[in-house]
């Protein structure tokens, strides 16, 4: 059981990042910050090994991911505007995506086998058996090496 800043015990699901973890998460999710992780560590005043340790901690990773979600949720409107600009310009892919997102279009593909016929589906067991039979018929010396003589000659 962990202890919080006041010294009280708490369950690990109640984990709260400390100030340096919050700052590092902000730096990691900022798409405009092109600096290396080492430079970001220096700004937060932690060793790179500390960041490495945090990145192995599922709770910190979940926190960083939640910050990414918050950031990207704020960009949905901009992405939608960009898509609509492309639709207005006649971009066929954008128009298709727009209709898919609105539920007005579903791409359908028909898949057929050779000559337009049905597709034959075999289980992996059948495929393995067929491969084994082909190998045995094309390379009987392998059977000789494994069993010492041909299987057919044992019956006779």
Protein backbone atom coordinates (compact mmCIF):
# COMPACT_ATOMS: atom_id res chain seq x y z
CA UNK A 1 0.00 0.00 0.00
CA UNK A 2 1.35 3.44 -0.96
CA UNK A 3 1.31 6.59 1.11
CA UNK A 4 0.12 9.91 -0.24
CA UNK A 5 1.81 13.27 0.36
CA UNK A 6 0.08 13.59 3.75
CA UNK A 7 1.41 10.19 4.81
CA UNK A 8 -1.98 8.47 4.64
CA UNK A 9 -2.23 5.08 3.00
CA UNK A 10 -4.03 4.83 -0.28
CA UNK A 11 -4.71 2.18 -2.87
CA UNK A 12 -2.50 2.16 -5.98
CA UNK A 13 -5.54 2.83 -8.18
CA UNK A 14 -5.67 6.26 -6.52
CA UNK A 15 -2.20 7.06 -7.87
CA UNK A 16 -1.63 10.74 -8.56
CA UNK A 17 1.40 11.99 -10.49
CA UNK A 18 3.77 14.31 -8.69
CA UNK A 19 4.61 17.80 -9.99
CA UNK A 20 7.63 16.62 -12.00
CA UNK A 21 5.63 13.78 -13.59
CA UNK A 22 2.87 16.23 -14.54
CA UNK A 23 5.41 18.60 -16.11
CA UNK A 24 7.15 15.77 -17.96
CA UNK A 25 3.83 14.46 -19.28
CA UNK A 26 3.01 17.96 -20.58
CA UNK A 27 6.36 18.12 -22.37
CA UNK A 28 5.98 14.60 -23.82
CA UNK A 29 2.52 15.22 -25.30
CA UNK A 30 3.28 18.68 -26.69
CA UNK A 31 3.63 18.16 -30.46
CA UNK A 32 5.34 21.53 -30.84
CA UNK A 33 8.19 20.58 -28.48
CA UNK A 34 10.72 18.90 -30.77
CA UNK A 35 13.47 18.62 -28.15
CA UNK A 36 14.99 15.29 -27.16
CA UNK A 37 13.80 13.44 -24.08
CA UNK A 38 17.15 14.23 -22.49
CA UNK A 39 16.52 17.98 -22.92
CA UNK A 40 13.03 17.61 -21.48
CA UNK A 41 14.46 15.72 -18.50
CA UNK A 42 16.90 18.58 -17.92
CA UNK A 43 14.03 21.08 -17.89
CA UNK A 44 12.10 19.01 -15.35
CA UNK A 45 15.33 18.47 -13.36
CA UNK A 46 15.28 14.68 -13.44
CA UNK A 47 17.76 12.10 -14.68
CA UNK A 48 16.94 10.31 -17.93
CA UNK A 49 16.94 7.07 -15.91
CA UNK A 50 14.06 8.49 -13.85
CA UNK A 51 12.01 9.05 -17.00
CA UNK A 52 12.92 5.53 -18.10
CA UNK A 53 11.63 4.20 -14.76
CA UNK A 54 8.43 6.22 -15.08
CA UNK A 55 7.86 4.95 -18.61
CA UNK A 56 7.90 1.39 -17.24
CA UNK A 57 5.23 2.35 -14.68
CA UNK A 58 1.80 1.60 -16.15
CA UNK A 59 0.22 4.32 -14.00
CA UNK A 60 2.48 7.03 -15.45
CA UNK A 61 1.99 5.72 -19.00
CA UNK A 62 -1.78 5.76 -18.47
CA UNK A 63 -1.53 9.33 -17.21
CA UNK A 64 0.49 10.39 -20.28
CA UNK A 65 -2.04 8.65 -22.54
CA UNK A 66 -4.92 10.44 -20.79
CA UNK A 67 -3.15 13.76 -21.47
CA UNK A 68 -2.80 12.79 -25.15
CA UNK A 69 -6.52 12.05 -25.25
CA UNK A 70 -7.31 15.46 -23.75
CA UNK A 71 -5.06 17.19 -26.27
CA UNK A 72 -6.39 15.32 -29.28
CA UNK A 73 -10.02 15.74 -28.19
CA UNK A 74 -9.41 19.47 -28.40
CA UNK A 75 -8.27 19.08 -32.00
CA UNK A 76 -11.35 17.22 -33.27
CA UNK A 77 -13.02 20.45 -34.39
CA UNK A 78 -9.94 21.49 -36.36
CA UNK A 79 -9.69 18.09 -38.00
CA UNK A 80 -13.37 18.26 -38.94
CA UNK A 81 -12.89 21.74 -40.44
CA UNK A 82 -9.90 20.51 -42.44
CA UNK A 83 -11.93 17.58 -43.76
CA UNK A 84 -14.78 19.88 -44.80
CA UNK A 85 -12.31 22.20 -46.60
CA UNK A 86 -11.07 19.21 -48.59
CA UNK A 87 -14.65 18.12 -49.36
CA UNK A 88 -15.43 21.61 -50.69
CA UNK A 89 -12.34 21.41 -52.91
CA UNK A 90 -13.67 18.19 -54.45
CA UNK A 91 -11.14 15.80 -52.89
CA UNK A 92 -12.70 12.40 -53.63
CA UNK A 93 -11.00 10.65 -50.68
CA UNK A 94 -12.26 13.38 -48.32
CA UNK A 95 -15.78 13.10 -49.73
CA UNK A 96 -15.70 9.33 -49.29
CA UNK A 97 -14.42 9.67 -45.70
CA UNK A 98 -17.09 12.31 -44.97
CA UNK A 99 -19.88 10.01 -46.14
CA UNK A 100 -18.40 7.05 -44.24
CA UNK A 101 -18.22 9.10 -41.04
CA UNK A 102 -21.84 10.23 -41.48
CA UNK A 103 -22.95 6.62 -42.06
CA UNK A 104 -24.07 7.36 -45.61
CA UNK A 105 -21.55 5.14 -47.37
CA UNK A 106 -20.10 1.72 -46.74
CA UNK A 107 -17.52 0.36 -49.11
CA UNK A 108 -18.41 -3.13 -50.26
CA UNK A 109 -15.97 -5.53 -51.78
CA UNK A 110 -16.73 -8.85 -53.37
CA UNK A 111 -13.96 -11.37 -53.14
CA UNK A 112 -13.96 -14.41 -55.38
CA UNK A 113 -11.63 -17.27 -56.17
CA UNK A 114 -10.00 -18.23 -59.47
CA UNK A 115 -12.30 -17.74 -62.45
CA UNK A 116 -14.81 -15.88 -60.29
CA UNK A 117 -15.73 -19.00 -58.33
CA UNK A 118 -15.93 -19.63 -54.62
CA UNK A 119 -12.89 -19.36 -52.41
CA UNK A 120 -11.72 -22.67 -50.99
CA UNK A 121 -10.89 -22.41 -47.31
CA UNK A 122 -8.88 -25.13 -45.63
CA UNK A 123 -8.04 -25.53 -42.00
CA UNK A 124 -4.40 -25.28 -40.99
CA UNK A 125 -4.53 -29.01 -40.13
CA UNK A 126 -5.59 -29.84 -43.70
CA UNK A 127 -2.96 -27.53 -45.11
CA UNK A 128 -0.23 -29.05 -42.93
CA UNK A 129 -1.30 -32.57 -43.93
CA UNK A 130 -1.24 -31.66 -47.63
CA UNK A 131 2.17 -30.02 -47.31
CA UNK A 132 3.53 -33.07 -45.48
CA UNK A 133 2.17 -35.43 -48.14
CA UNK A 134 3.73 -33.33 -50.90
CA UNK A 135 7.10 -33.31 -49.18
CA UNK A 136 7.00 -37.08 -48.61
CA UNK A 137 6.04 -37.82 -52.23
CA UNK A 138 8.66 -35.44 -53.65
CA UNK A 139 11.45 -36.36 -51.17
CA UNK A 140 11.14 -40.02 -50.11
CA UNK A 141 14.75 -39.91 -48.89
CA UNK A 142 13.56 -37.80 -45.94
CA UNK A 143 11.35 -40.69 -44.82
CA UNK A 144 14.32 -43.04 -45.19
CA UNK A 145 16.44 -40.73 -43.04
CA UNK A 146 13.79 -40.47 -40.34
CA UNK A 147 12.55 -44.08 -40.21
CA UNK A 148 15.55 -45.95 -41.57
CA UNK A 149 13.65 -47.41 -44.54
CA UNK A 150 10.63 -46.58 -46.62
CA UNK A 151 7.30 -46.91 -44.87
CA UNK A 152 5.86 -48.90 -47.83
CA UNK A 153 8.57 -51.54 -47.51
CA UNK A 154 7.72 -52.17 -43.83
CA UNK A 155 4.31 -53.52 -44.74
CA UNK A 156 5.76 -56.09 -47.09
